[in-house]
Amino acid sequence: MPRRCHWARGEPDIVYHDAEWGVPSHDDRGLFELLVLEGAQAGLSWSTILARRAGYRRAFAGFDVARVARFKPTAVARLLCDPGIIRHRGKIESAIDNARGVLAIQREHGSFAAYLWSFVGGQPLDNRRRSPRQVPAQTALSQALSRDLKQRGFTFVGPTICYAFMQAVGLVNDHLTSCFRYAPVRRLARRAGRGEGLSRAAGEERVAVRGKRRRREPRAELRASTETTFEPRHGRAAAGTSVARRAHKGGA
């Protein structure tokens, strides 16, 4: 049995870990989906969100950003009655407001992906973690991303949510070096840095995994990425917390 990050225990977590977590993404729809799901997870387990992922895709128009941005109060009322998602008014309204924020970023930067990847200089950061205790709840980079998103009107984007999002979409590779997915994700990161058709490569990786059952420094002012909070990554705390909330990810 391959060695995995320790948070991947149940079947939904294992499938997600093996096929998606940490794979660099440049797809705006997929990026928006994970931003919504990471925000929805606040105070809950990641497994709870994965179990409702199909419900979220149905409820939020397949995470079509433009369609979600047009949701009206009647849609919020409908979603509050939908058992397929987390029926939390703040999280539902956040998803809609954040969709509008993504559209604004697309107009400014050309794509949501271009905006996000600018925070790591266009290439994933390979963190080479050896122990779950080395995986931080947040970093200077996630704090910077959180600040900027909040200034743009985004909600449910605290620095710990942003770091989990960065882990999920491959801005950082936080698979432990002992995890069987560390090396494949690292190879994808290198291809991303060379601009070698990442989307196709990532797709091939996902197919292969399912079938089997040059690091660039961040911006100078963020280079000293003080990772002050360390915690084994499994199970998250309430929305306002900065440490235990991100405990589901990172670590073999």
C-alpha atoms as a PDB file:
ATOM      1  CA  MET A   1       0.000   0.000   0.000  1.00  0.00           C
ATOM      2  CA  PRO A   2       1.465   3.388  -0.940  1.00  0.00           C
ATOM      3  CA  ARG A   3       2.351   5.769   1.840  1.00  0.00           C
ATOM      4  CA  ARG A   4       0.079   8.809   1.862  1.00  0.00           C
ATOM      5  CA  CYS A   5      -0.215  12.064   3.730  1.00  0.00           C
ATOM      6  CA  HIS A   6      -1.691  11.143   7.082  1.00  0.00           C
ATOM      7  CA  TRP A   7      -4.926  13.128   6.652  1.00  0.00           C
ATOM      8  CA  ALA A   8      -5.973  10.880   3.751  1.00  0.00           C
ATOM      9  CA  ARG A   9      -7.729   8.159   5.715  1.00  0.00           C
ATOM     10  CA  GLY A  10     -11.250   7.582   4.436  1.00  0.00           C
ATOM     11  CA  GLU A  11     -12.087   6.716   0.838  1.00  0.00           C
ATOM     12  CA  PRO A  12     -13.164  10.236  -0.290  1.00  0.00           C
ATOM     13  CA  ASP A  13     -10.008  11.747   1.231  1.00  0.00           C
ATOM     14  CA  ILE A  14      -7.799   9.107  -0.385  1.00  0.00           C
ATOM     15  CA  VAL A  15      -9.290   9.598  -3.856  1.00  0.00           C
ATOM     16  CA  TYR A  16      -8.968  13.376  -3.558  1.00  0.00           C
ATOM     17  CA  HIS A  17      -5.423  13.163  -2.197  1.00  0.00           C
ATOM     18  CA  ASP A  18      -4.249  10.753  -4.890  1.00  0.00           C
ATOM     19  CA  ALA A  19      -5.816  12.507  -7.877  1.00  0.00           C
ATOM     20  CA  GLU A  20      -6.061  16.211  -7.079  1.00  0.00           C
ATOM     21  CA  TRP A  21      -4.412  17.580  -3.974  1.00  0.00           C
ATOM     22  CA  GLY A  22      -1.372  19.668  -4.825  1.00  0.00           C
ATOM     23  CA  VAL A  23      -1.671  19.266  -8.600  1.00  0.00           C
ATOM     24  CA  PRO A  24      -0.973  22.719 -10.109  1.00  0.00           C
ATOM     25  CA  SER A  25      -4.181  24.176 -11.536  1.00  0.00           C
ATOM     26  CA  HIS A  26      -4.604  27.030 -14.001  1.00  0.00           C
ATOM     27  CA  ASP A  27      -8.290  26.446 -14.627  1.00  0.00           C
ATOM     28  CA  ASP A  28     -10.425  29.325 -13.328  1.00  0.00           C
ATOM     29  CA  ARG A  29     -13.508  27.193 -12.802  1.00  0.00           C
ATOM     30  CA  GLY A  30     -11.586  24.603 -10.810  1.00  0.00           C
ATOM     31  CA  LEU A  31      -9.838  27.296  -8.813  1.00  0.00           C
ATOM     32  CA  PHE A  32     -13.149  28.926  -7.961  1.00  0.00           C
ATOM     33  CA  GLU A  33     -14.593  25.566  -6.944  1.00  0.00           C
ATOM     34  CA  LEU A  34     -11.814  24.892  -4.469  1.00  0.00           C
ATOM     35  CA  LEU A  35     -11.976  28.429  -3.107  1.00  0.00           C
ATOM     36  CA  VAL A  36     -15.683  27.905  -2.365  1.00  0.00           C
ATOM     37  CA  LEU A  37     -15.139  24.445  -0.875  1.00  0.00           C
ATOM     38  CA  GLU A  38     -12.267  25.566   1.340  1.00  0.00           C
ATOM     39  CA  GLY A  39     -14.430  28.400   2.668  1.00  0.00           C
ATOM     40  CA  ALA A  40     -17.392  26.076   3.176  1.00  0.00           C
ATOM     41  CA  GLN A  41     -15.218  23.724   5.219  1.00  0.00           C
ATOM     42  CA  ALA A  42     -14.637  26.266   8.022  1.00  0.00           C
ATOM     43  CA  GLY A  43     -15.467  24.532  11.294  1.00  0.00           C
ATOM     44  CA  LEU A  44     -16.109  21.177   9.624  1.00  0.00           C
ATOM     45  CA  SER A  45     -14.067  18.205   8.462  1.00  0.00           C
ATOM     46  CA  TRP A  46     -12.792  18.067   4.902  1.00  0.00           C
ATOM     47  CA  SER A  47     -14.489  14.704   4.510  1.00  0.00           C
ATOM     48  CA  THR A  48     -17.822  16.401   5.182  1.00  0.00           C
ATOM     49  CA  ILE A  49     -17.221  18.762   2.268  1.00  0.00           C
ATOM     50  CA  LEU A  50     -16.000  16.051  -0.097  1.00  0.00           C
ATOM     51  CA  ALA A  51     -19.151  14.060   0.636  1.00  0.00           C
ATOM     52  CA  ARG A  52     -21.182  17.055  -0.565  1.00  0.00           C
ATOM     53  CA  ARG A  53     -19.025  17.977  -3.543  1.00  0.00           C
ATOM     54  CA  ALA A  54     -21.518  16.719  -6.109  1.00  0.00           C
ATOM     55  CA  GLY A  55     -24.222  18.672  -4.322  1.00  0.00           C
ATOM     56  CA  TYR A  56     -22.120  21.818  -4.480  1.00  0.00           C
ATOM     57  CA  ARG A  57     -21.477  21.376  -8.181  1.00  0.00           C
ATOM     58  CA  ARG A  58     -25.174  21.007  -8.822  1.00  0.00           C
ATOM     59  CA  ALA A  59     -26.201  23.863  -6.536  1.00  0.00           C
ATOM     60  CA  PHE A  60     -23.580  26.285  -7.838  1.00  0.00           C
ATOM     61  CA  ALA A  61     -24.045  25.726 -11.583  1.00  0.00           C
ATOM     62  CA  GLY A  62     -20.949  23.589 -11.971  1.00  0.00           C
ATOM     63  CA  PHE A  63     -18.976  26.476 -10.476  1.00  0.00           C
ATOM     64  CA  ASP A  64     -19.505  28.557 -13.584  1.00  0.00           C
ATOM     65  CA  VAL A  65     -18.220  31.854 -12.186  1.00  0.00           C
ATOM     66  CA  ALA A  66     -20.385  34.116 -14.344  1.00  0.00           C
ATOM     67  CA  ARG A  67     -23.569  32.174 -13.543  1.00  0.00           C
ATOM     68  CA  VAL A  68     -22.907  32.115  -9.804  1.00  0.00           C
ATOM     69  CA  ALA A  69     -22.162  35.851  -9.854  1.00  0.00           C
ATOM     70  CA  ARG A  70     -25.696  36.401 -11.166  1.00  0.00           C
ATOM     71  CA  PHE A  71     -27.368  34.519  -8.309  1.00  0.00           C
ATOM     72  CA  LYS A  72     -30.063  36.649  -6.685  1.00  0.00           C
ATOM     73  CA  PRO A  73     -31.559  36.573  -3.144  1.00  0.00           C
ATOM     74  CA  THR A  74     -34.084  33.994  -4.339  1.00  0.00           C
ATOM     75  CA  ALA A  75     -31.171  31.680  -5.137  1.00  0.00           C
ATOM     76  CA  VAL A  76     -29.792  32.167  -1.617  1.00  0.00           C
ATOM     77  CA  ALA A  77     -33.189  31.223  -0.163  1.00  0.00           C
ATOM     78  CA  ARG A  78     -33.267  28.109  -2.355  1.00  0.00           C
ATOM     79  CA  LEU A  79     -29.742  27.092  -1.374  1.00  0.00           C
ATOM     80  CA  LEU A  80     -30.544  27.474   2.304  1.00  0.00           C
ATOM     81  CA  CYS A  81     -33.012  24.615   1.829  1.00  0.00           C
ATOM     82  CA  ASP A  82     -30.627  22.404  -0.158  1.00  0.00           C
ATOM     83  CA  PRO A  83     -29.499  19.362   1.876  1.00  0.00           C
ATOM     84  CA  GLY A  84     -26.716  18.688  -0.642  1.00  0.00           C
ATOM     85  CA  ILE A  85     -24.594  21.586   0.644  1.00  0.00           C
ATOM     86  CA  ILE A  86     -23.698  23.251   3.935  1.00  0.00           C
ATOM     87  CA  ARG A  87     -26.730  25.413   4.646  1.00  0.00           C
ATOM     88  CA  HIS A  88     -24.934  28.384   6.137  1.00  0.00           C
ATOM     89  CA  ARG A  89     -26.107  31.770   4.907  1.00  0.00           C
ATOM     90  CA  GLY A  90     -22.733  33.427   5.319  1.00  0.00           C
ATOM     91  CA  LYS A  91     -20.931  30.734   3.326  1.00  0.00           C
ATOM     92  CA  ILE A  92     -23.545  30.738   0.571  1.00  0.00           C
ATOM     93  CA  GLU A  93     -23.500  34.518   0.217  1.00  0.00           C
ATOM     94  CA  SER A  94     -19.708  34.430   0.327  1.00  0.00           C
ATOM     95  CA  ALA A  95     -19.593  32.050  -2.658  1.00  0.00           C
ATOM     96  CA  ILE A  96     -21.774  34.418  -4.682  1.00  0.00           C
ATOM     97  CA  ASP A  97     -19.888  37.553  -3.664  1.00  0.00           C
ATOM     98  CA  ASN A  98     -16.554  35.851  -4.309  1.00  0.00           C
ATOM     99  CA  ALA A  99     -17.734  34.854  -7.799  1.00  0.00           C
ATOM    100  CA  ARG A 100     -18.241  38.554  -8.500  1.00  0.00           C
ATOM    101  CA  GLY A 101     -14.781  39.199  -7.124  1.00  0.00           C
ATOM    102  CA  VAL A 102     -13.300  36.561  -9.427  1.00  0.00           C
ATOM    103  CA  LEU A 103     -14.940  38.246 -12.426  1.00  0.00           C
ATOM    104  CA  ALA A 104     -13.352  41.554 -11.404  1.00  0.00           C
ATOM    105  CA  ILE A 105      -9.941  39.878 -11.101  1.00  0.00           C
ATOM    106  CA  GLN A 106     -10.387  38.282 -14.534  1.00  0.00           C
ATOM    107  CA  ARG A 107     -11.051  41.698 -16.022  1.00  0.00           C
ATOM    108  CA  GLU A 108      -7.959  43.109 -14.347  1.00  0.00           C
ATOM    109  CA  HIS A 109      -5.502  40.223 -14.763  1.00  0.00           C
ATOM    110  CA  GLY A 110      -6.916  38.240 -17.678  1.00  0.00           C
ATOM    111  CA  SER A 111      -7.656  35.223 -15.499  1.00  0.00           C
ATOM    112  CA  PHE A 112      -8.052  34.275 -11.862  1.00  0.00           C
ATOM    113  CA  ALA A 113      -5.179  31.840 -12.367  1.00  0.00           C
ATOM    114  CA  ALA A 114      -2.794  34.568 -13.558  1.00  0.00           C
ATOM    115  CA  TYR A 115      -3.592  36.582 -10.456  1.00  0.00           C
ATOM    116  CA  LEU A 116      -3.067  33.656  -8.067  1.00  0.00           C
ATOM    117  CA  TRP A 117       0.115  32.375  -9.683  1.00  0.00           C
ATOM    118  CA  SER A 118       1.685  35.831  -9.493  1.00  0.00           C
ATOM    119  CA  PHE A 119       2.000  35.286  -5.739  1.00  0.00           C
ATOM    120  CA  VAL A 120       4.527  32.479  -6.298  1.00  0.00           C
ATOM    121  CA  GLY A 121       6.253  33.926  -9.347  1.00  0.00           C
ATOM    122  CA  GLY A 122       4.436  31.551 -11.693  1.00  0.00           C
ATOM    123  CA  GLN A 123       5.998  28.363 -10.307  1.00  0.00           C
ATOM    124  CA  PRO A 124       4.857  26.119  -7.437  1.00  0.00           C
ATOM    125  CA  LEU A 125       6.888  26.238  -4.251  1.00  0.00           C
ATOM    126  CA  ASP A 126       8.370  22.852  -3.355  1.00  0.00           C
ATOM    127  CA  ASN A 127       8.442  22.870   0.438  1.00  0.00           C
ATOM    128  CA  ARG A 128      10.035  19.448   0.977  1.00  0.00           C
ATOM    129  CA  ARG A 129       8.310  18.844   4.294  1.00  0.00           C
ATOM    130  CA  ARG A 130       9.507  15.767   6.179  1.00  0.00           C
ATOM    131  CA  SER A 131       7.101  15.777   9.114  1.00  0.00           C
ATOM    132  CA  PRO A 132       3.468  16.821   9.603  1.00  0.00           C
ATOM    133  CA  ARG A 133       4.686  19.185  12.307  1.00  0.00           C
ATOM    134  CA  GLN A 134       6.643  21.116   9.684  1.00  0.00           C
ATOM    135  CA  VAL A 135       3.462  21.990   7.798  1.00  0.00           C
ATOM    136  CA  PRO A 136       2.244  25.453   8.847  1.00  0.00           C
ATOM    137  CA  ALA A 137      -1.344  26.593   9.199  1.00  0.00           C
ATOM    138  CA  GLN A 138      -0.442  29.791   7.364  1.00  0.00           C
ATOM    139  CA  THR A 139       2.576  31.555   5.874  1.00  0.00           C
ATOM    140  CA  ALA A 140       3.559  35.086   4.902  1.00  0.00           C
ATOM    141  CA  LEU A 141       2.395  34.295   1.367  1.00  0.00           C
ATOM    142  CA  SER A 142      -1.033  33.117   2.471  1.00  0.00           C
ATOM    143  CA  GLN A 143      -1.319  36.193   4.663  1.00  0.00           C
ATOM    144  CA  ALA A 144      -0.526  38.400   1.672  1.00  0.00           C
ATOM    145  CA  LEU A 145      -3.053  36.591  -0.524  1.00  0.00           C
ATOM    146  CA  SER A 146      -5.673  36.852   2.215  1.00  0.00           C
ATOM    147  CA  ARG A 147      -5.086  40.589   2.633  1.00  0.00           C
ATOM    148  CA  ASP A 148      -5.356  41.250  -1.058  1.00  0.00           C
ATOM    149  CA  LEU A 149      -8.501  39.162  -1.500  1.00  0.00           C
ATOM    150  CA  LYS A 150     -10.158  40.861   1.468  1.00  0.00           C
ATOM    151  CA  GLN A 151      -9.318  44.262   0.020  1.00  0.00           C
ATOM    152  CA  ARG A 152     -11.138  43.138  -3.118  1.00  0.00           C
ATOM    153  CA  GLY A 153     -14.233  42.258  -1.108  1.00  0.00           C
ATOM    154  CA  PHE A 154     -13.751  38.484  -0.777  1.00  0.00           C
ATOM    155  CA  THR A 155     -14.923  36.753   2.394  1.00  0.00           C
ATOM    156  CA  PHE A 156     -14.064  33.433   4.047  1.00  0.00           C
ATOM    157  CA  VAL A 157     -10.498  33.966   2.846  1.00  0.00           C
ATOM    158  CA  GLY A 158      -8.496  34.172   6.065  1.00  0.00           C
ATOM    159  CA  PRO A 159      -4.793  33.272   5.898  1.00  0.00           C
ATOM    160  CA  THR A 160      -5.365  29.670   7.031  1.00  0.00           C
ATOM    161  CA  ILE A 161      -8.127  29.169   4.459  1.00  0.00           C
ATOM    162  CA  CYS A 162      -5.847  30.703   1.845  1.00  0.00           C
ATOM    163  CA  TYR A 163      -2.981  28.391   2.757  1.00  0.00           C
ATOM    164  CA  ALA A 164      -5.166  25.304   2.481  1.00  0.00           C
ATOM    165  CA  PHE A 165      -6.362  26.654  -0.872  1.00  0.00           C
ATOM    166  CA  MET A 166      -2.743  27.172  -1.990  1.00  0.00           C
ATOM    167  CA  GLN A 167      -1.976  23.576  -1.002  1.00  0.00           C
ATOM    168  CA  ALA A 168      -5.033  22.257  -2.818  1.00  0.00           C
ATOM    169  CA  VAL A 169      -4.411  24.012  -6.153  1.00  0.00           C
ATOM    170  CA  GLY A 170      -0.666  23.378  -6.256  1.00  0.00           C
ATOM    171  CA  LEU A 171       0.710  26.826  -5.536  1.00  0.00           C
ATOM    172  CA  VAL A 172       2.739  24.943  -2.938  1.00  0.00           C
ATOM    173  CA  ASN A 173       3.658  21.268  -2.787  1.00  0.00           C
ATOM    174  CA  ASP A 174       3.008  20.205   0.796  1.00  0.00           C
ATOM    175  CA  HIS A 175       2.983  16.466   0.260  1.00  0.00           C
ATOM    176  CA  LEU A 176       5.602  15.132   2.641  1.00  0.00           C
ATOM    177  CA  THR A 177       8.683  13.786   0.932  1.00  0.00           C
ATOM    178  CA  SER A 178       7.693  10.323   2.212  1.00  0.00           C
ATOM    179  CA  CYS A 179       4.292  10.480   0.460  1.00  0.00           C
ATOM    180  CA  PHE A 180       4.051   8.583  -2.823  1.00  0.00           C
ATOM    181  CA  ARG A 181       2.484  11.665  -4.460  1.00  0.00           C
ATOM    182  CA  TYR A 182       5.345  14.008  -3.588  1.00  0.00           C
ATOM    183  CA  ALA A 183       7.559  13.138  -6.566  1.00  0.00           C
ATOM    184  CA  PRO A 184       4.801  13.140  -9.247  1.00  0.00           C
ATOM    185  CA  VAL A 185       3.487  16.500  -8.027  1.00  0.00           C
ATOM    186  CA  ARG A 186       7.030  17.850  -7.974  1.00  0.00           C
ATOM    187  CA  ARG A 187       7.484  16.805 -11.606  1.00  0.00           C
ATOM    188  CA  LEU A 188       4.269  18.609 -12.532  1.00  0.00           C
ATOM    189  CA  ALA A 189       5.535  21.689 -10.720  1.00  0.00           C
ATOM    190  CA  ARG A 190       8.741  21.633 -12.780  1.00  0.00           C
ATOM    191  CA  ARG A 191       6.737  21.382 -15.989  1.00  0.00           C
ATOM    192  CA  ALA A 192       4.661  24.322 -14.816  1.00  0.00           C
ATOM    193  CA  GLY A 193       7.821  26.358 -14.312  1.00  0.00           C
ATOM    194  CA  ARG A 194       8.945  25.565 -17.858  1.00  0.00           C
ATOM    195  CA  GLY A 195       5.458  26.215 -19.270  1.00  0.00           C
ATOM    196  CA  GLU A 196       5.174  22.693 -20.683  1.00  0.00           C
ATOM    197  CA  GLY A 197       1.478  22.046 -21.193  1.00  0.00           C
ATOM    198  CA  LEU A 198       0.617  21.615 -17.557  1.00  0.00           C
ATOM    199  CA  SER A 199      -3.091  20.974 -18.040  1.00  0.00           C
ATOM    200  CA  ARG A 200      -2.462  17.940 -20.242  1.00  0.00           C
ATOM    201  CA  ALA A 201       0.276  16.642 -17.963  1.00  0.00           C
ATOM    202  CA  ALA A 202      -1.910  17.002 -14.892  1.00  0.00           C
ATOM    203  CA  GLY A 203      -4.723  15.171 -16.660  1.00  0.00           C
ATOM    204  CA  GLU A 204      -2.403  12.304 -17.513  1.00  0.00           C
ATOM    205  CA  GLU A 205      -1.294  12.172 -13.868  1.00  0.00           C
ATOM    206  CA  ARG A 206      -4.883  11.919 -12.657  1.00  0.00           C
ATOM    207  CA  VAL A 207      -5.680   9.110 -15.091  1.00  0.00           C
ATOM    208  CA  ALA A 208      -2.556   7.205 -14.081  1.00  0.00           C
ATOM    209  CA  VAL A 209      -3.310   7.533 -10.379  1.00  0.00           C
ATOM    210  CA  ARG A 210      -6.920   6.442 -10.749  1.00  0.00           C
ATOM    211  CA  GLY A 211      -5.883   3.512 -12.911  1.00  0.00           C
ATOM    212  CA  LYS A 212      -3.498   2.206 -10.218  1.00  0.00           C
ATOM    213  CA  ARG A 213      -5.487   2.546  -7.264  1.00  0.00           C
ATOM    214  CA  ARG A 214      13.815  24.961 -10.071  1.00  0.00           C
ATOM    215  CA  ARG A 215      12.217  26.381  -7.025  1.00  0.00           C
ATOM    216  CA  ARG A 216      11.716  30.120  -7.509  1.00  0.00           C
ATOM    217  CA  GLU A 217      11.832  32.381  -4.481  1.00  0.00           C
ATOM    218  CA  PRO A 218       8.704  34.371  -3.703  1.00  0.00           C
ATOM    219  CA  ARG A 219       8.654  38.138  -3.850  1.00  0.00           C
ATOM    220  CA  ALA A 220      11.485  39.665  -1.874  1.00  0.00           C
ATOM    221  CA  GLU A 221       9.274  41.116   0.816  1.00  0.00           C
ATOM    222  CA  LEU A 222       7.715  37.680   1.401  1.00  0.00           C
ATOM    223  CA  ARG A 223      10.888  35.648   1.217  1.00  0.00           C
ATOM    224  CA  ALA A 224      11.177  35.341   4.970  1.00  0.00           C
ATOM    225  CA  SER A 225       7.982  33.314   5.123  1.00  0.00           C
ATOM    226  CA  THR A 226       7.748  32.883   8.877  1.00  0.00           C
ATOM    227  CA  GLU A 227       5.734  29.791   9.507  1.00  0.00           C
ATOM    228  CA  THR A 228       4.900  30.458  13.120  1.00  0.00           C
ATOM    229  CA  THR A 229       2.046  28.004  13.603  1.00  0.00           C
ATOM    230  CA  PHE A 230       2.685  24.299  13.325  1.00  0.00           C
ATOM    231  CA  GLU A 231       0.104  21.599  13.824  1.00  0.00           C
ATOM    232  CA  PRO A 232      -0.532  18.088  12.494  1.00  0.00           C
ATOM    233  CA  ARG A 233      -2.923  18.487   9.611  1.00  0.00           C
ATOM    234  CA  HIS A 234      -6.123  16.608  10.250  1.00  0.00           C
ATOM    235  CA  GLY A 235      -9.508  17.963  11.247  1.00  0.00           C
ATOM    236  CA  ARG A 236     -10.241  21.679  11.296  1.00  0.00           C
ATOM    237  CA  ALA A 237     -11.462  24.056  13.924  1.00  0.00           C
ATOM    238  CA  ALA A 238     -13.928  26.908  13.752  1.00  0.00           C
ATOM    239  CA  ALA A 239     -13.871  29.585  11.078  1.00  0.00           C
ATOM    240  CA  GLY A 240     -12.122  32.232  13.119  1.00  0.00           C
ATOM    241  CA  THR A 241      -9.199  30.119  14.308  1.00  0.00           C
ATOM    242  CA  SER A 242      -5.784  30.221  12.727  1.00  0.00           C
ATOM    243  CA  VAL A 243      -4.135  26.993  13.842  1.00  0.00           C
ATOM    244  CA  ALA A 244      -6.297  23.909  14.201  1.00  0.00           C
ATOM    245  CA  ARG A 245      -8.582  24.832  11.327  1.00  0.00           C
ATOM    246  CA  ARG A 246      -6.224  23.586   8.623  1.00  0.00           C
ATOM    247  CA  ALA A 247      -5.402  20.322  10.219  1.00  0.00           C
ATOM    248  CA  HIS A 248      -6.640  18.068   7.421  1.00  0.00           C
ATOM    249  CA  LYS A 249      -3.803  18.528   4.996  1.00  0.00           C
ATOM    250  CA  GLY A 250      -0.100  18.005   4.720  1.00  0.00           C
ATOM    251  CA  GLY A 251       1.877  15.103   6.034  1.00  0.00           C
ATOM    252  CA  ALA A 252       2.538  11.509   5.239  1.00  0.00           C
END
